[in-house]
Each structure stands twice: as C-alpha cells, then as structure tokens.
C-alpha cells in the first residue's frame, strides 16, 4: 500500500502577542478546498533570525509533497533569502504555494511572479527605509526630543493593501504598538481590525 503523502504548511509570527490562528486556518481551508493532505508547522520567530522549526522542515522537505504559506514575508525578508529557499525547493522538485499572492511554482507564471514579488518587496522596504532615514535626519538637525516622524501616507497605503503590523513595524523600525497607535490617530484603524491582522 502506497504511503500517504502530505504537504507541509508553515505559519510564523514574530512576537508572542501575535496569533498564528489566522494563518493556520487559511492554510487548512486551502488544503481542504484543493483536497490535499497537509501537516502544519508553526513558530514564533523573526524572519531575520534563527527559525528552528522552518530550518528543520526545509531540511526534511523530501518527506513532503511541497511547502504552503499564506504570504511571501512568512518565508523571508530579502531577495537573497527568498531565492535561496526557492532554489532549494526547486532542486528537490518540491512546489511552493503562497496563498495570498496566488503563487504556485509548479506553473511558469507562478515562478515568475515569485521572483518579481521578491524583488519588489525588498525594493519597497529599501525605499521606505530611505525615506524614514531622511525624515529622521531632518528632525534631528533641529535638536530636541520629538515624537518619531513616520511617513503617514506610505504607511496608510501599505496598510490598506493588507500589510501586517509585523511587516510595518519591521520596515519602519518601530514597535507594533506604535503602528497601531498612529493608525488610530490617523483615523484609519477600526477597532476590530487589530485582532485580525498580525
């Protein structure tokens, strides 16, 4: 009798205050819809630091049919990091599925989309950091301790596009609470959204 094969689903949050439930539920519903078996792995770890659970499942990827995540930033933060994961999976002939971006690397357009989004994601973070750095230099030039300047329109634009609190806080180098407070101050955040978005 042939052994039943599973995809591995991976969910990650950066801090203890964040919830894994949304990612896990989305992956499980996706697998149910596609009628594929899935075994979930999750952890609380930063994308730029050690991720023991992720490192283990990547090393053991031969035991699975492929890898499923909800968003690109669950995998990594830089083009180099993302490309390394993609090439490892490609070498093992294992597909990568990213639900929110509708990426499936078994398809030609999926491979292209993954590479394009990886570059765009890093490019956007670099631009935002440059703007933020310029704003901090301008503010510091005149001395005094002021409330940290943040690019309001840029943050709002990315938030409305679905950016997570984690992504915003890492990109703008502030805490998640700061992002949350500013969105409330700007009249953007609805009371029920804080719990729903990581």
C-alpha atoms as a PDB file:
ATOM      1  CA  UNK A   1       0.000   0.000   0.000  1.00  0.00           C
ATOM      2  CA  UNK A   2       1.393   3.411  -1.002  1.00  0.00           C
ATOM      3  CA  UNK A   3       2.251   5.739   1.884  1.00  0.00           C
ATOM      4  CA  UNK A   4       0.009   8.807   2.146  1.00  0.00           C
ATOM      5  CA  UNK A   5       1.862  11.984   1.174  1.00  0.00           C
ATOM      6  CA  UNK A   6       1.489  15.379   2.806  1.00  0.00           C
ATOM      7  CA  UNK A   7       2.252  18.980   2.001  1.00  0.00           C
ATOM      8  CA  UNK A   8       3.752  20.937   4.882  1.00  0.00           C
ATOM      9  CA  UNK A   9       2.028  24.153   5.892  1.00  0.00           C
ATOM     10  CA  UNK A  10       4.182  26.764   7.633  1.00  0.00           C
ATOM     11  CA  UNK A  11       2.895  29.627   9.794  1.00  0.00           C
ATOM     12  CA  UNK A  12       5.074  32.166  11.581  1.00  0.00           C
ATOM     13  CA  UNK A  13       4.663  35.216  13.806  1.00  0.00           C
ATOM     14  CA  UNK A  14       7.449  37.429  15.148  1.00  0.00           C
ATOM     15  CA  UNK A  15       6.204  38.150  18.678  1.00  0.00           C
ATOM     16  CA  UNK A  16       4.306  36.349  21.422  1.00  0.00           C
ATOM     17  CA  UNK A  17       1.457  38.858  21.182  1.00  0.00           C
ATOM     18  CA  UNK A  18       0.656  37.810  17.619  1.00  0.00           C
ATOM     19  CA  UNK A  19      -1.667  34.954  16.772  1.00  0.00           C
ATOM     20  CA  UNK A  20      -0.974  32.029  14.469  1.00  0.00           C
ATOM     21  CA  UNK A  21      -4.640  31.068  14.173  1.00  0.00           C
ATOM     22  CA  UNK A  22      -5.408  33.142  11.066  1.00  0.00           C
ATOM     23  CA  UNK A  23      -2.513  31.699   9.048  1.00  0.00           C
ATOM     24  CA  UNK A  24      -3.159  28.118  10.171  1.00  0.00           C
ATOM     25  CA  UNK A  25      -6.872  28.374   9.428  1.00  0.00           C
ATOM     26  CA  UNK A  26      -6.235  29.813   5.949  1.00  0.00           C
ATOM     27  CA  UNK A  27      -3.767  27.051   5.055  1.00  0.00           C
ATOM     28  CA  UNK A  28      -6.083  24.320   6.323  1.00  0.00           C
ATOM     29  CA  UNK A  29      -9.045  25.724   4.376  1.00  0.00           C
ATOM     30  CA  UNK A  30      -6.900  25.976   1.238  1.00  0.00           C
ATOM     31  CA  UNK A  31      -5.841  22.333   1.590  1.00  0.00           C
ATOM     32  CA  UNK A  32      -9.432  21.233   2.166  1.00  0.00           C
ATOM     33  CA  UNK A  33     -10.531  23.115  -0.947  1.00  0.00           C
ATOM     34  CA  UNK A  34      -7.726  21.586  -3.038  1.00  0.00           C
ATOM     35  CA  UNK A  35      -8.340  18.177  -1.433  1.00  0.00           C
ATOM     36  CA  UNK A  36      -4.705  17.726  -0.421  1.00  0.00           C
ATOM     37  CA  UNK A  37      -3.245  16.451   2.831  1.00  0.00           C
ATOM     38  CA  UNK A  38      -1.356  18.957   4.941  1.00  0.00           C
ATOM     39  CA  UNK A  39       0.716  18.799   8.108  1.00  0.00           C
ATOM     40  CA  UNK A  40       1.075  22.130   9.936  1.00  0.00           C
ATOM     41  CA  UNK A  41       4.262  23.595  11.401  1.00  0.00           C
ATOM     42  CA  UNK A  42       4.357  26.904  13.251  1.00  0.00           C
ATOM     43  CA  UNK A  43       6.675  29.021  15.360  1.00  0.00           C
ATOM     44  CA  UNK A  44       7.244  32.417  16.922  1.00  0.00           C
ATOM     45  CA  UNK A  45      10.447  33.735  15.364  1.00  0.00           C
ATOM     46  CA  UNK A  46      11.741  36.722  13.412  1.00  0.00           C
ATOM     47  CA  UNK A  47      12.341  36.279   9.694  1.00  0.00           C
ATOM     48  CA  UNK A  48      15.851  37.690  10.085  1.00  0.00           C
ATOM     49  CA  UNK A  49      16.897  35.450  12.999  1.00  0.00           C
ATOM     50  CA  UNK A  50      17.065  31.710  13.679  1.00  0.00           C
ATOM     51  CA  UNK A  51      13.908  29.795  12.794  1.00  0.00           C
ATOM     52  CA  UNK A  52      14.485  26.260  14.114  1.00  0.00           C
ATOM     53  CA  UNK A  53      11.113  24.857  13.016  1.00  0.00           C
ATOM     54  CA  UNK A  54      11.444  26.242   9.494  1.00  0.00           C
ATOM     55  CA  UNK A  55      15.059  25.107   9.165  1.00  0.00           C
ATOM     56  CA  UNK A  56      14.066  21.591  10.213  1.00  0.00           C
ATOM     57  CA  UNK A  57      11.174  21.269   7.772  1.00  0.00           C
ATOM     58  CA  UNK A  58      13.281  22.631   4.910  1.00  0.00           C
ATOM     59  CA  UNK A  59      15.960  20.030   5.624  1.00  0.00           C
ATOM     60  CA  UNK A  60      13.285  17.328   5.728  1.00  0.00           C
ATOM     61  CA  UNK A  61      11.366  18.600   2.695  1.00  0.00           C
ATOM     62  CA  UNK A  62      11.911  15.267   0.910  1.00  0.00           C
ATOM     63  CA  UNK A  63       9.331  13.835   3.305  1.00  0.00           C
ATOM     64  CA  UNK A  64       6.660  16.159   1.892  1.00  0.00           C
ATOM     65  CA  UNK A  65       4.982  16.967  -1.400  1.00  0.00           C
ATOM     66  CA  UNK A  66       5.731  20.689  -1.124  1.00  0.00           C
ATOM     67  CA  UNK A  67       5.500  23.817   1.041  1.00  0.00           C
ATOM     68  CA  UNK A  68       2.471  26.071   1.650  1.00  0.00           C
ATOM     69  CA  UNK A  69       2.488  29.509   3.329  1.00  0.00           C
ATOM     70  CA  UNK A  70      -0.041  32.353   3.421  1.00  0.00           C
ATOM     71  CA  UNK A  71       2.260  35.241   2.467  1.00  0.00           C
ATOM     72  CA  UNK A  72       5.666  35.835   0.930  1.00  0.00           C
ATOM     73  CA  UNK A  73       7.014  37.511   4.077  1.00  0.00           C
ATOM     74  CA  UNK A  74       6.374  34.342   6.105  1.00  0.00           C
ATOM     75  CA  UNK A  75       9.342  32.849   4.225  1.00  0.00           C
ATOM     76  CA  UNK A  76      11.914  35.636   4.332  1.00  0.00           C
ATOM     77  CA  UNK A  77      12.759  39.330   4.156  1.00  0.00           C
ATOM     78  CA  UNK A  78      15.307  39.654   1.350  1.00  0.00           C
ATOM     79  CA  UNK A  79      15.611  38.590  -2.270  1.00  0.00           C
ATOM     80  CA  UNK A  80      18.691  36.550  -1.391  1.00  0.00           C
ATOM     81  CA  UNK A  81      16.925  34.717   1.435  1.00  0.00           C
ATOM     82  CA  UNK A  82      13.773  34.054  -0.586  1.00  0.00           C
ATOM     83  CA  UNK A  83      15.703  32.961  -3.661  1.00  0.00           C
ATOM     84  CA  UNK A  84      17.783  30.545  -1.576  1.00  0.00           C
ATOM     85  CA  UNK A  85      14.600  28.867  -0.298  1.00  0.00           C
ATOM     86  CA  UNK A  86      13.091  28.777  -3.788  1.00  0.00           C
ATOM     87  CA  UNK A  87      16.212  27.206  -5.332  1.00  0.00           C
ATOM     88  CA  UNK A  88      16.394  24.595  -2.559  1.00  0.00           C
ATOM     89  CA  UNK A  89      12.791  23.585  -3.201  1.00  0.00           C
ATOM     90  CA  UNK A  90      13.359  23.621  -6.964  1.00  0.00           C
ATOM     91  CA  UNK A  91      16.414  21.394  -6.584  1.00  0.00           C
ATOM     92  CA  UNK A  92      14.276  18.962  -4.586  1.00  0.00           C
ATOM     93  CA  UNK A  93      11.472  19.217  -7.162  1.00  0.00           C
ATOM     94  CA  UNK A  94       9.087  20.472  -4.478  1.00  0.00           C
ATOM     95  CA  UNK A  95       6.459  23.109  -5.287  1.00  0.00           C
ATOM     96  CA  UNK A  96       5.989  26.276  -3.253  1.00  0.00           C
ATOM     97  CA  UNK A  97       2.454  27.632  -2.835  1.00  0.00           C
ATOM     98  CA  UNK A  98       1.817  31.144  -1.465  1.00  0.00           C
ATOM     99  CA  UNK A  99      -1.909  31.539  -0.938  1.00  0.00           C
ATOM    100  CA  UNK A 100      -2.439  35.306  -0.697  1.00  0.00           C
ATOM    101  CA  UNK A 101      -0.318  36.085  -3.764  1.00  0.00           C
ATOM    102  CA  UNK A 102      -1.774  33.134  -5.716  1.00  0.00           C
ATOM    103  CA  UNK A 103       1.699  31.722  -6.414  1.00  0.00           C
ATOM    104  CA  UNK A 104       2.264  28.101  -7.390  1.00  0.00           C
ATOM    105  CA  UNK A 105       5.802  27.361  -8.585  1.00  0.00           C
ATOM    106  CA  UNK A 106       4.669  24.278 -10.482  1.00  0.00           C
ATOM    107  CA  UNK A 107       3.396  26.793 -13.040  1.00  0.00           C
ATOM    108  CA  UNK A 108       5.586  29.040 -15.186  1.00  0.00           C
ATOM    109  CA  UNK A 109       3.676  32.184 -14.223  1.00  0.00           C
ATOM    110  CA  UNK A 110       3.973  31.210 -10.559  1.00  0.00           C
ATOM    111  CA  UNK A 111       7.767  31.044 -10.772  1.00  0.00           C
ATOM    112  CA  UNK A 112       7.908  34.420 -12.493  1.00  0.00           C
ATOM    113  CA  UNK A 113       5.511  36.018 -10.001  1.00  0.00           C
ATOM    114  CA  UNK A 114       7.523  34.729  -7.041  1.00  0.00           C
ATOM    115  CA  UNK A 115      10.744  36.241  -8.375  1.00  0.00           C
ATOM    116  CA  UNK A 116       9.065  39.550  -9.246  1.00  0.00           C
ATOM    117  CA  UNK A 117       7.370  39.917  -5.866  1.00  0.00           C
ATOM    118  CA  UNK A 118      10.592  39.050  -4.033  1.00  0.00           C
ATOM    119  CA  UNK A 119      12.431  41.889  -5.783  1.00  0.00           C
ATOM    120  CA  UNK A 120       9.537  44.336  -5.386  1.00  0.00           C
ATOM    121  CA  UNK A 121       9.136  43.553  -1.661  1.00  0.00           C
ATOM    122  CA  UNK A 122      12.801  44.240  -0.935  1.00  0.00           C
ATOM    123  CA  UNK A 123      12.797  47.336  -3.168  1.00  0.00           C
ATOM    124  CA  UNK A 124       9.782  48.765  -1.321  1.00  0.00           C
ATOM    125  CA  UNK A 125      11.415  48.187   2.067  1.00  0.00           C
ATOM    126  CA  UNK A 126      14.601  49.907   0.896  1.00  0.00           C
ATOM    127  CA  UNK A 127      12.691  52.947  -0.391  1.00  0.00           C
ATOM    128  CA  UNK A 128      10.663  53.221   2.821  1.00  0.00           C
ATOM    129  CA  UNK A 129      13.784  52.982   4.973  1.00  0.00           C
ATOM    130  CA  UNK A 130      15.487  55.664   2.870  1.00  0.00           C
ATOM    131  CA  UNK A 131      12.504  57.982   3.322  1.00  0.00           C
ATOM    132  CA  UNK A 132      12.370  57.272   7.022  1.00  0.00           C
ATOM    133  CA  UNK A 133      16.101  57.872   7.428  1.00  0.00           C
ATOM    134  CA  UNK A 134      15.833  61.175   5.570  1.00  0.00           C
ATOM    135  CA  UNK A 135      12.959  62.259   7.813  1.00  0.00           C
ATOM    136  CA  UNK A 136      14.874  61.351  10.964  1.00  0.00           C
ATOM    137  CA  UNK A 137      17.931  63.285   9.797  1.00  0.00           C
ATOM    138  CA  UNK A 138      15.781  66.356   9.111  1.00  0.00           C
ATOM    139  CA  UNK A 139      14.094  66.109  12.503  1.00  0.00           C
ATOM    140  CA  UNK A 140      17.357  65.581  14.370  1.00  0.00           C
ATOM    141  CA  UNK A 141      19.018  68.531  12.667  1.00  0.00           C
ATOM    142  CA  UNK A 142      16.991  70.954  14.752  1.00  0.00           C
ATOM    143  CA  UNK A 143      17.505  69.167  18.052  1.00  0.00           C
ATOM    144  CA  UNK A 144      15.029  68.404  20.779  1.00  0.00           C
ATOM    145  CA  UNK A 145      13.246  65.194  21.569  1.00  0.00           C
ATOM    146  CA  UNK A 146      10.221  64.876  19.371  1.00  0.00           C
ATOM    147  CA  UNK A 147       7.656  62.266  18.536  1.00  0.00           C
ATOM    148  CA  UNK A 148       9.181  59.974  15.923  1.00  0.00           C
ATOM    149  CA  UNK A 149       8.325  61.088  12.424  1.00  0.00           C
ATOM    150  CA  UNK A 150       6.694  58.426  10.274  1.00  0.00           C
ATOM    151  CA  UNK A 151       5.626  58.654   6.611  1.00  0.00           C
ATOM    152  CA  UNK A 152       1.883  58.750   7.165  1.00  0.00           C
ATOM    153  CA  UNK A 153       0.696  58.335   3.575  1.00  0.00           C
ATOM    154  CA  UNK A 154       3.111  55.480   2.861  1.00  0.00           C
ATOM    155  CA  UNK A 155       2.080  53.554   5.975  1.00  0.00           C
ATOM    156  CA  UNK A 156      -1.619  54.059   5.260  1.00  0.00           C
ATOM    157  CA  UNK A 157      -1.151  52.951   1.640  1.00  0.00           C
ATOM    158  CA  UNK A 158       0.578  49.713   2.650  1.00  0.00           C
ATOM    159  CA  UNK A 159      -1.894  49.065   5.478  1.00  0.00           C
ATOM    160  CA  UNK A 160      -4.829  49.365   3.095  1.00  0.00           C
ATOM    161  CA  UNK A 161      -3.087  46.933   0.745  1.00  0.00           C
ATOM    162  CA  UNK A 162      -3.041  44.372   3.555  1.00  0.00           C
ATOM    163  CA  UNK A 163       0.400  44.878   5.111  1.00  0.00           C
ATOM    164  CA  UNK A 164       0.667  43.215   8.522  1.00  0.00           C
ATOM    165  CA  UNK A 165       1.600  45.029  11.746  1.00  0.00           C
ATOM    166  CA  UNK A 166       4.740  42.900  11.794  1.00  0.00           C
ATOM    167  CA  UNK A 167       5.771  43.992   8.292  1.00  0.00           C
ATOM    168  CA  UNK A 168       5.057  47.656   9.050  1.00  0.00           C
ATOM    169  CA  UNK A 169       6.913  47.607  12.380  1.00  0.00           C
ATOM    170  CA  UNK A 170       9.968  45.875  10.874  1.00  0.00           C
ATOM    171  CA  UNK A 171      10.017  48.127   7.826  1.00  0.00           C
ATOM    172  CA  UNK A 172       9.680  51.410   9.732  1.00  0.00           C
ATOM    173  CA  UNK A 173      11.794  50.257  12.665  1.00  0.00           C
ATOM    174  CA  UNK A 174       9.164  50.913  15.334  1.00  0.00           C
ATOM    175  CA  UNK A 175       7.087  48.709  17.611  1.00  0.00           C
ATOM    176  CA  UNK A 176       3.772  47.202  16.543  1.00  0.00           C
ATOM    177  CA  UNK A 177       2.096  49.289  19.255  1.00  0.00           C
ATOM    178  CA  UNK A 178       3.458  52.453  17.643  1.00  0.00           C
ATOM    179  CA  UNK A 179       1.989  51.438  14.274  1.00  0.00           C
ATOM    180  CA  UNK A 180      -1.317  50.625  15.970  1.00  0.00           C
ATOM    181  CA  UNK A 181      -1.424  53.986  17.816  1.00  0.00           C
ATOM    182  CA  UNK A 182      -0.580  56.001  14.718  1.00  0.00           C
ATOM    183  CA  UNK A 183      -3.250  54.273  12.640  1.00  0.00           C
ATOM    184  CA  UNK A 184      -5.766  55.088  15.370  1.00  0.00           C
ATOM    185  CA  UNK A 185      -4.589  58.712  15.492  1.00  0.00           C
ATOM    186  CA  UNK A 186      -4.962  58.985  11.722  1.00  0.00           C
ATOM    187  CA  UNK A 187      -8.488  57.578  11.889  1.00  0.00           C
ATOM    188  CA  UNK A 188      -7.606  54.567   9.739  1.00  0.00           C
ATOM    189  CA  UNK A 189      -7.812  51.704  12.190  1.00  0.00           C
ATOM    190  CA  UNK A 190     -11.146  50.120  13.006  1.00  0.00           C
ATOM    191  CA  UNK A 191     -11.471  48.588  16.460  1.00  0.00           C
ATOM    192  CA  UNK A 192     -11.989  45.018  15.198  1.00  0.00           C
ATOM    193  CA  UNK A 193      -9.019  45.042  12.831  1.00  0.00           C
ATOM    194  CA  UNK A 194      -6.299  44.978  15.486  1.00  0.00           C
ATOM    195  CA  UNK A 195      -7.047  41.389  16.459  1.00  0.00           C
ATOM    196  CA  UNK A 196      -7.455  40.144  12.903  1.00  0.00           C
ATOM    197  CA  UNK A 197      -4.200  41.380  11.408  1.00  0.00           C
ATOM    198  CA  UNK A 198      -0.772  40.096  12.529  1.00  0.00           C
END
